[in-house]
Amino acid sequence: MSNNGEAADAGLMTEARRDEIGSLIRRLVRFALKRGMIGELDEDDAHNALLDLFGLTAPAGGPLPEETLDSPVSVLEPLLDAAAALGLIPDDTTTQRDLFDARIMGLLMPRPSETSAAFARLSDAEGVRTATDWFYRLNIDSNYIRMDRIAKNGYWLHPTDDGELEITVNLSKPEKDPREIALLRSLPQTKTDYPKCLLCRENVGYAGRPDHPARQNLRILPLTLRGERWFFQYSPYVYYNEHSIILRGEHVPMRIVPETFERLLDFVDAYPHYFIGSNADLPIVGGSILNHDHFQGGQARIPDGKGGRGGMGDARRGARGARGASCSGRCRRCACAAATARRCSAWRIGCWPIGADIAIRPQRCMRRAATCPTTRSRRSPGSPKAANTSSISCCATIARATSTRTAFSIRTGSCIISRRKTSA
């Protein structure tokens, strides 16, 4: 007999509790059906899987309340309370409840291949924006993105001479309480390297453990960048609208190289309504997960794209970066560019100190331009030789009713940005 059945045999499953759990399960299945997470043919299968999870052998009868739920949380929370009372959750802590939460919602999710196929069909029929709207909604409905916690985040705008400063205090990622800390200390100190990190594709469907979150309700989408296998997913702890993570299929460390820009530009070709950015590949000032190559994006207007002195708005008006048309700051290893799309769009260039990030957002060009391939360029004569010196150059139309193009050379090793006019 299963552990779930043993819990019921132990006298913990009273008639009243059985009816309560059965009713909650029916409501949750109805929510998943209405939100399109499952189809009509999946309803009985999902219902029976949840009954088994809670050690029930038959559904509850009786009428259900008339309701239109925007979130599963109001049904999930009493189900989690019941699971804790039945001993299905070892310790009634946030971590253990989250593990069981993902297990419940994972039973109401389409298979990863079904999710990918549905996204592709919707993208072909109605456009990629409609497809991402659907996929983002799926992540919220599955409680992978916990909007009830995200709503508690603090957010302020503060005016400065360089534009508005955005300040966010993210409260959606819960802190560990003393019981959880004590539990982690008591666990055997054996290293588990599966999944290798939080960004590996193997997280999809993973049941989790006290030191690694459950991901049964995670779905990712395949993506090709520069001919390589990448994946697209949403962050469960969103800092801005549709906060996305674009992760490499292989577990390889982050490294800012000329090919990085090609990957970024391939992404905005595929998702033109999103921006994409990269943290620096440096410890402390760079990304928080440097051992897995990834980018972040979303459908939001970040401060660098709103103009203000030295921002991307300045770059659009005069093709000038944060330090002007030509920047020669001597950063040792700097991710020093912000730009827009490779085809039919203007590059917006800025230069920041060491540890700055790259941000790329597409914008429709004022007039049609020829496709401009991204290529490598040689080190400028007389420029200092630096470790990891690499550059990337691109031509893009930047003005209405003129034939002038501007070529930018972005040197990631020595932080040099140059600008020159070329004939159309």
Protein backbone atom coordinates (compact mmCIF):
# COMPACT_ATOMS: atom_id res chain seq x y z
CA MET A 1 0.00 0.00 0.00
CA SER A 2 1.22 3.51 -0.76
CA ASN A 3 2.24 6.01 1.88
CA ASN A 4 -0.83 8.02 0.94
CA GLY A 5 -3.07 5.07 1.75
CA GLU A 6 -1.23 4.44 5.04
CA ALA A 7 -1.94 8.04 6.07
CA ALA A 8 -5.64 7.45 5.54
CA ASP A 9 -5.53 4.11 7.41
CA ALA A 10 -3.90 5.82 10.39
CA GLY A 11 -7.18 7.56 11.14
CA LEU A 12 -6.05 10.92 9.88
CA MET A 13 -8.51 10.88 6.99
CA THR A 14 -11.89 11.64 8.53
CA GLU A 15 -15.08 11.67 6.47
CA ALA A 16 -15.27 15.45 6.68
CA ARG A 17 -11.65 15.84 5.57
CA ARG A 18 -12.18 13.39 2.72
CA ASP A 19 -15.11 15.41 1.45
CA GLU A 20 -13.19 18.68 1.83
CA ILE A 21 -10.16 17.39 -0.08
CA GLY A 22 -12.33 15.79 -2.73
CA SER A 23 -14.20 19.03 -3.31
CA LEU A 24 -10.96 21.04 -3.50
CA ILE A 25 -9.56 18.59 -6.05
CA ARG A 26 -12.64 18.94 -8.24
CA ARG A 27 -12.38 22.72 -8.07
CA LEU A 28 -8.70 22.64 -9.01
CA VAL A 29 -9.32 20.31 -11.96
CA ARG A 30 -12.15 22.58 -13.10
CA PHE A 31 -9.79 25.58 -12.91
CA ALA A 32 -7.17 23.76 -15.02
CA LEU A 33 -9.80 22.82 -17.59
CA LYS A 34 -11.18 26.34 -17.87
CA ARG A 35 -7.68 27.82 -18.23
CA GLY A 36 -6.74 25.40 -20.98
CA MET A 37 -4.02 23.64 -19.00
CA ILE A 38 -5.74 20.31 -19.71
CA GLY A 39 -8.29 19.22 -22.28
CA GLU A 40 -11.61 17.50 -21.76
CA LEU A 41 -10.06 14.09 -22.40
CA ASP A 42 -7.47 14.83 -19.69
CA GLU A 43 -10.02 15.71 -16.99
CA ASP A 44 -10.60 12.23 -15.56
CA ASP A 45 -6.91 11.33 -15.70
CA ALA A 46 -5.92 14.50 -13.81
CA HIS A 47 -8.70 13.99 -11.27
CA ASN A 48 -7.64 10.40 -10.55
CA ALA A 49 -3.97 11.35 -10.26
CA LEU A 50 -4.82 13.95 -7.60
CA LEU A 51 -7.06 11.50 -5.73
CA ASP A 52 -4.16 9.04 -5.61
CA LEU A 53 -1.77 11.74 -4.41
CA PHE A 54 -4.00 12.39 -1.40
CA GLY A 55 -4.77 8.73 -0.72
CA LEU A 56 -8.39 8.88 -1.85
CA THR A 57 -10.09 6.07 -3.75
CA ALA A 58 -13.22 7.90 -4.87
CA PRO A 59 -14.20 11.48 -5.67
CA ALA A 60 -16.35 13.68 -3.48
CA GLY A 61 -19.93 14.31 -4.48
CA GLY A 62 -22.11 17.35 -4.07
CA PRO A 63 -22.34 20.65 -5.89
CA LEU A 64 -19.34 22.92 -6.39
CA PRO A 65 -19.48 26.68 -5.76
CA GLU A 66 -19.95 28.94 -8.74
CA GLU A 67 -16.65 30.75 -9.11
CA THR A 68 -14.29 32.23 -11.65
CA LEU A 69 -10.74 31.92 -10.37
CA ASP A 70 -7.86 34.01 -11.70
CA SER A 71 -5.35 31.94 -9.73
CA PRO A 72 -5.19 28.45 -8.21
CA VAL A 73 -3.83 29.80 -4.91
CA SER A 74 -7.18 29.99 -3.09
CA VAL A 75 -7.67 26.26 -3.76
CA LEU A 76 -4.05 25.21 -3.35
CA GLU A 77 -3.55 26.68 0.11
CA PRO A 78 -6.29 24.60 1.84
CA LEU A 79 -5.06 21.53 -0.09
CA LEU A 80 -1.57 22.13 1.27
CA ASP A 81 -3.00 22.55 4.78
CA ALA A 82 -4.75 19.20 4.39
CA ALA A 83 -1.56 17.56 3.08
CA ALA A 84 0.36 18.84 6.11
CA ALA A 85 -2.34 17.51 8.46
CA LEU A 86 -2.19 14.10 6.76
CA GLY A 87 1.59 13.93 7.01
CA LEU A 88 2.08 14.13 3.25
CA ILE A 89 4.28 17.18 3.85
CA PRO A 90 7.10 16.21 6.28
CA ASP A 91 7.45 19.65 7.85
CA ASP A 92 4.93 22.42 7.39
CA THR A 93 7.53 24.89 6.14
CA THR A 94 7.46 27.13 3.09
CA THR A 95 10.03 24.98 1.31
CA GLN A 96 8.15 21.73 1.89
CA ARG A 97 4.83 23.31 0.95
CA ASP A 98 6.38 24.64 -2.26
CA LEU A 99 7.70 21.17 -3.11
CA PHE A 100 4.24 19.65 -2.70
CA ASP A 101 2.59 22.60 -4.47
CA ALA A 102 4.69 21.93 -7.60
CA ARG A 103 3.87 18.23 -7.35
CA ILE A 104 0.13 18.99 -7.36
CA MET A 105 0.28 21.43 -10.26
CA GLY A 106 2.59 19.16 -12.24
CA LEU A 107 -0.30 16.72 -12.52
CA LEU A 108 -2.33 19.41 -14.30
CA MET A 109 0.30 20.43 -16.84
CA PRO A 110 0.57 19.49 -20.51
CA ARG A 111 3.60 17.39 -21.40
CA PRO A 112 6.70 19.41 -22.39
CA SER A 113 6.39 18.30 -26.02
CA GLU A 114 2.69 19.26 -26.03
CA THR A 115 3.55 22.69 -24.63
CA SER A 116 6.19 23.26 -27.31
CA ALA A 117 3.86 22.09 -30.09
CA ALA A 118 1.02 24.32 -28.86
CA PHE A 119 3.36 27.32 -28.73
CA ALA A 120 4.58 26.67 -32.27
CA ARG A 121 1.04 26.30 -33.63
CA LEU A 122 -0.11 29.51 -31.96
CA SER A 123 2.98 31.40 -33.12
CA ASP A 124 2.43 30.30 -36.73
CA ALA A 125 -1.29 31.09 -36.67
CA GLU A 126 -1.45 34.32 -34.66
CA GLY A 127 2.12 35.52 -34.19
CA VAL A 128 4.81 35.09 -31.58
CA ARG A 129 3.39 37.82 -29.30
CA THR A 130 0.13 35.89 -28.94
CA ALA A 131 2.13 32.71 -28.30
CA THR A 132 4.20 34.28 -25.51
CA ASP A 133 1.03 35.74 -23.98
CA TRP A 134 -0.38 32.21 -23.82
CA PHE A 135 2.86 30.71 -22.44
CA TYR A 136 3.21 33.40 -19.78
CA ARG A 137 -0.39 32.81 -18.69
CA LEU A 138 0.31 29.08 -18.45
CA ASN A 139 3.24 29.76 -16.12
CA ILE A 140 1.01 31.89 -13.88
CA ASP A 141 -1.91 29.45 -13.91
CA SER A 142 0.41 26.58 -12.97
CA ASN A 143 1.67 28.66 -10.01
CA TYR A 144 5.23 28.39 -11.33
CA ILE A 145 5.17 32.19 -11.31
CA ARG A 146 3.71 32.94 -7.87
CA MET A 147 1.89 36.17 -8.51
CA ASP A 148 0.50 36.28 -4.94
CA ARG A 149 4.05 36.65 -3.64
CA ILE A 150 5.23 38.93 -6.42
CA ALA A 151 2.38 41.32 -5.56
CA LYS A 152 4.16 41.94 -2.25
CA ASN A 153 7.32 43.26 -3.95
CA GLY A 154 8.32 46.83 -3.28
CA TYR A 155 8.71 49.08 -6.33
CA TRP A 156 9.62 52.78 -6.57
CA LEU A 157 10.64 55.29 -9.22
CA HIS A 158 13.10 57.98 -8.21
CA PRO A 159 13.84 60.95 -10.53
CA THR A 160 17.50 61.67 -11.27
CA ASP A 161 19.39 63.88 -13.72
CA ASP A 162 19.94 60.81 -15.91
CA GLY A 163 16.32 59.69 -15.91
CA GLU A 164 14.12 57.73 -13.54
CA LEU A 165 15.82 55.21 -11.26
CA GLU A 166 13.86 51.99 -10.76
CA ILE A 167 14.13 50.41 -7.32
CA THR A 168 12.73 46.95 -6.67
CA VAL A 169 12.74 44.89 -3.48
CA ASN A 170 11.92 41.33 -4.50
CA LEU A 171 9.97 39.49 -1.81
CA SER A 172 8.69 36.67 -4.02
CA LYS A 173 11.63 34.40 -3.21
CA PRO A 174 10.96 33.33 0.39
CA GLU A 175 13.68 33.34 2.99
CA LYS A 176 14.43 30.12 4.85
CA ASP A 177 13.03 29.93 8.35
CA PRO A 178 15.07 28.49 11.29
CA ARG A 179 13.46 25.05 10.93
CA GLU A 180 14.53 24.80 7.30
CA ILE A 181 18.07 25.94 8.12
CA ALA A 182 18.29 23.31 10.85
CA LEU A 183 17.00 20.65 8.45
CA LEU A 184 19.60 21.52 5.82
CA ARG A 185 22.35 21.27 8.42
CA SER A 186 21.13 17.83 9.48
CA LEU A 187 21.11 16.40 5.96
CA PRO A 188 24.01 14.15 4.88
CA GLN A 189 26.75 16.31 3.39
CA THR A 190 26.87 14.39 0.14
CA LYS A 191 27.09 16.50 -2.97
CA THR A 192 24.24 16.02 -5.44
CA ASP A 193 25.10 17.35 -8.88
CA TYR A 194 21.76 16.65 -10.53
CA PRO A 195 20.59 18.93 -11.90
CA LYS A 196 23.96 20.65 -12.15
CA CYS A 197 22.38 24.07 -11.51
CA LEU A 198 19.04 25.86 -11.42
CA LEU A 199 19.26 26.70 -15.13
CA CYS A 200 19.89 23.24 -16.57
CA ARG A 201 17.19 21.84 -18.83
CA GLU A 202 17.06 18.75 -16.59
CA ASN A 203 15.12 20.81 -14.05
CA VAL A 204 11.94 20.26 -16.07
CA GLY A 205 9.78 17.82 -14.09
CA TYR A 206 12.30 17.50 -11.24
CA ALA A 207 10.66 16.73 -7.87
CA GLY A 208 13.07 18.88 -5.91
CA ARG A 209 14.61 18.46 -2.48
CA PRO A 210 15.13 20.72 0.55
CA ASP A 211 18.10 22.44 -1.11
CA HIS A 212 16.71 22.50 -4.67
CA PRO A 213 13.26 23.70 -5.78
CA ALA A 214 10.71 21.40 -7.36
CA ARG A 215 10.04 21.99 -11.04
CA GLN A 216 7.21 19.64 -12.00
CA ASN A 217 5.28 22.69 -13.18
CA LEU A 218 8.17 24.12 -15.23
CA ARG A 219 7.97 24.13 -19.01
CA ILE A 220 10.66 25.40 -21.39
CA LEU A 221 10.62 26.07 -25.13
CA PRO A 222 13.36 25.08 -27.60
CA LEU A 223 15.17 27.93 -29.31
CA THR A 224 17.97 28.14 -31.86
CA LEU A 225 20.53 30.94 -31.43
CA ARG A 226 23.48 31.07 -33.81
CA GLY A 227 22.71 27.48 -34.82
CA GLU A 228 22.99 26.29 -31.20
CA ARG A 229 20.42 24.64 -28.94
CA TRP A 230 19.00 27.06 -26.39
CA PHE A 231 15.79 27.16 -24.35
CA PHE A 232 13.33 29.83 -23.30
CA GLN A 233 11.52 29.95 -19.97
CA TYR A 234 10.10 32.49 -17.54
CA SER A 235 11.64 33.40 -14.21
CA PRO A 236 9.53 32.38 -11.20
CA TYR A 237 10.70 35.54 -9.41
CA VAL A 238 9.81 38.22 -11.94
CA TYR A 239 11.40 41.67 -11.59
CA TYR A 240 9.49 43.09 -14.56
CA ASN A 241 6.78 42.07 -17.00
CA GLU A 242 7.36 38.66 -18.59
CA HIS A 243 10.81 38.32 -17.07
CA SER A 244 12.41 35.62 -19.20
CA ILE A 245 15.48 33.42 -19.00
CA ILE A 246 17.16 32.23 -22.18
CA LEU A 247 19.41 29.33 -21.22
CA ARG A 248 21.93 27.32 -23.14
CA GLY A 249 21.20 23.64 -23.68
CA GLU A 250 24.67 22.69 -22.44
CA HIS A 251 25.93 23.40 -18.94
CA VAL A 252 28.78 25.75 -19.89
CA PRO A 253 29.90 28.91 -18.06
CA MET A 254 28.99 32.43 -19.12
CA ARG A 255 31.52 34.14 -21.33
CA ILE A 256 31.08 37.42 -23.19
CA VAL A 257 32.53 36.83 -26.67
CA PRO A 258 31.71 38.19 -30.14
CA GLU A 259 29.32 35.28 -30.65
CA THR A 260 27.33 36.54 -27.65
CA PHE A 261 26.06 39.46 -29.71
CA GLU A 262 25.02 37.18 -32.54
CA ARG A 263 22.96 35.09 -30.11
CA LEU A 264 21.34 38.17 -28.64
CA LEU A 265 20.42 39.46 -32.07
CA ASP A 266 19.08 36.09 -33.17
CA PHE A 267 16.76 36.21 -30.17
CA VAL A 268 15.27 39.60 -31.03
CA ASP A 269 14.77 38.37 -34.58
CA ALA A 270 12.66 35.52 -33.18
CA TYR A 271 10.98 37.54 -30.39
CA PRO A 272 10.84 41.11 -31.76
CA HIS A 273 8.50 42.33 -29.00
CA TYR A 274 11.01 41.38 -26.27
CA PHE A 275 14.26 42.92 -25.16
CA ILE A 276 17.19 40.71 -24.17
CA GLY A 277 20.23 41.41 -22.04
CA SER A 278 23.25 39.70 -20.57
CA ASN A 279 24.85 40.08 -17.19
CA ALA A 280 28.60 40.53 -17.14
CA ASP A 281 30.54 37.28 -16.93
CA LEU A 282 32.35 38.51 -13.83
CA PRO A 283 32.02 37.36 -10.22
CA ILE A 284 30.40 39.70 -7.69
CA VAL A 285 29.43 42.39 -10.22
CA GLY A 286 28.14 39.95 -12.84
CA GLY A 287 25.36 37.39 -12.95
CA SER A 288 24.38 35.31 -9.95
CA ILE A 289 24.71 32.03 -11.88
CA LEU A 290 27.96 32.25 -13.83
CA ASN A 291 28.42 28.51 -14.36
CA HIS A 292 25.60 28.29 -16.93
CA ASP A 293 25.48 30.51 -20.00
CA HIS A 294 22.19 32.42 -20.10
CA PHE A 295 20.53 35.74 -20.89
CA GLN A 296 17.52 37.56 -19.49
CA GLY A 297 14.76 39.32 -21.35
CA GLY A 298 11.13 40.24 -21.27
CA GLN A 299 8.40 42.54 -22.47
CA ALA A 300 9.31 45.63 -20.51
CA ARG A 301 10.88 49.00 -21.11
CA ILE A 302 14.04 49.10 -19.04
CA PRO A 303 15.49 52.45 -17.93
CA ASP A 304 18.27 52.35 -20.54
CA GLY A 305 15.61 52.35 -23.24
CA LYS A 306 13.68 55.35 -21.95
CA GLY A 307 16.15 58.01 -22.96
CA GLY A 308 17.65 60.45 -20.50
CA ARG A 309 21.22 61.62 -20.57
CA GLY A 310 23.53 58.91 -21.83
CA GLY A 311 20.80 56.33 -22.20
CA MET A 312 19.68 54.47 -25.27
CA GLY A 313 17.38 57.36 -26.09
CA ASP A 314 20.44 59.60 -26.47
CA ALA A 315 22.03 57.00 -28.70
CA ARG A 316 18.99 57.00 -30.98
CA ARG A 317 18.92 60.79 -31.31
CA GLY A 318 22.59 61.21 -32.15
CA ALA A 319 24.08 57.73 -32.30
CA ARG A 320 26.00 58.71 -29.18
CA GLY A 321 26.69 56.49 -26.22
CA ALA A 322 26.95 57.28 -22.55
CA ARG A 323 30.33 58.90 -23.16
CA GLY A 324 29.73 60.27 -26.65
CA ALA A 325 30.34 59.12 -30.17
CA SER A 326 33.70 57.58 -29.38
CA CYS A 327 34.39 55.89 -26.08
CA SER A 328 37.84 54.64 -25.10
CA GLY A 329 37.39 53.78 -21.45
CA ARG A 330 39.99 51.21 -20.51
CA CYS A 331 37.88 48.53 -18.83
CA ARG A 332 39.72 45.23 -18.37
CA ARG A 333 36.77 43.05 -19.31
CA CYS A 334 33.57 44.94 -19.85
CA ALA A 335 30.19 44.05 -21.26
CA CYS A 336 29.90 47.54 -22.61
CA ALA A 337 27.15 47.77 -25.18
CA ALA A 338 23.44 48.33 -25.47
CA ALA A 339 21.92 47.99 -28.88
CA THR A 340 18.87 47.11 -30.93
CA ALA A 341 18.25 44.68 -33.74
CA ARG A 342 20.59 43.57 -36.48
CA ARG A 343 18.17 43.97 -39.36
CA CYS A 344 16.38 47.19 -40.34
CA SER A 345 17.07 48.93 -37.06
CA ALA A 346 19.35 51.43 -35.39
CA TRP A 347 22.05 50.32 -33.00
CA ARG A 348 21.93 52.19 -29.72
CA ILE A 349 25.35 52.18 -28.19
CA GLY A 350 26.45 53.09 -24.68
CA CYS A 351 29.59 52.45 -22.69
CA TRP A 352 29.65 51.74 -18.97
CA PRO A 353 32.32 50.83 -16.40
CA ILE A 354 33.48 47.30 -15.73
CA GLY A 355 30.66 44.95 -14.78
CA ALA A 356 27.96 46.70 -16.78
CA ASP A 357 25.36 44.70 -18.66
CA ILE A 358 24.37 44.33 -22.29
CA ALA A 359 20.78 45.13 -23.25
CA ILE A 360 19.33 44.72 -26.72
CA ARG A 361 15.84 45.67 -27.80
CA PRO A 362 14.42 45.63 -31.33
CA GLN A 363 12.95 48.72 -32.94
CA ARG A 364 11.46 49.04 -36.41
CA CYS A 365 13.67 51.00 -38.74
CA MET A 366 12.48 54.26 -40.30
CA ARG A 367 13.17 52.91 -43.76
CA ARG A 368 13.98 49.50 -45.16
CA ALA A 369 17.64 48.56 -45.04
CA ALA A 370 19.55 45.66 -46.46
CA THR A 371 20.31 42.76 -44.17
CA CYS A 372 23.43 43.58 -42.22
CA PRO A 373 25.38 40.53 -41.06
CA THR A 374 27.27 40.70 -37.81
CA THR A 375 30.99 40.26 -38.42
CA ARG A 376 34.26 40.41 -36.55
CA SER A 377 36.55 43.39 -37.01
CA ARG A 378 40.24 43.71 -36.41
CA ARG A 379 41.77 45.59 -33.52
CA SER A 380 42.14 49.28 -34.34
CA PRO A 381 45.69 50.42 -35.11
CA GLY A 382 47.34 51.78 -32.02
CA SER A 383 44.67 50.47 -29.65
CA PRO A 384 46.00 48.77 -26.52
CA LYS A 385 46.31 45.01 -26.65
CA ALA A 386 44.23 43.48 -23.90
CA ALA A 387 43.34 40.02 -22.73
CA ASN A 388 40.25 38.64 -24.42
CA THR A 389 40.23 41.47 -26.97
CA SER A 390 37.37 40.83 -29.32
CA SER A 391 35.11 43.05 -31.31
CA ILE A 392 31.92 42.98 -33.26
CA SER A 393 30.83 45.35 -35.98
CA CYS A 394 27.56 46.02 -37.72
CA CYS A 395 26.09 48.53 -40.15
CA ALA A 396 22.59 49.83 -39.58
CA THR A 397 20.39 52.57 -40.95
CA ILE A 398 20.02 55.35 -38.39
CA ALA A 399 18.36 58.24 -40.23
CA ARG A 400 15.19 58.92 -42.17
CA ALA A 401 15.49 60.00 -45.82
CA THR A 402 19.28 59.74 -45.95
CA SER A 403 21.64 57.17 -47.37
CA THR A 404 24.06 57.37 -44.46
CA ARG A 405 24.85 54.30 -42.47
CA THR A 406 26.94 54.19 -39.37
CA ALA A 407 29.25 51.32 -38.51
CA PHE A 408 29.93 50.65 -34.86
CA SER A 409 32.83 48.60 -33.60
CA ILE A 410 32.26 47.31 -30.08
CA ARG A 411 35.35 45.99 -28.33
CA THR A 412 34.46 43.89 -25.31
CA GLY A 413 38.04 43.40 -24.19
CA SER A 414 39.21 47.01 -24.02
CA CYS A 415 35.84 48.76 -23.99
CA ILE A 416 36.33 50.76 -27.19
CA ILE A 417 33.36 51.96 -29.18
CA SER A 418 34.08 53.66 -32.49
CA ARG A 419 31.79 55.26 -35.05
CA ARG A 420 32.41 55.98 -38.71
CA LYS A 421 30.25 56.90 -41.68
CA THR A 422 30.11 54.61 -44.65
CA SER A 423 28.38 54.94 -47.98
CA ALA A 424 25.00 53.27 -48.35
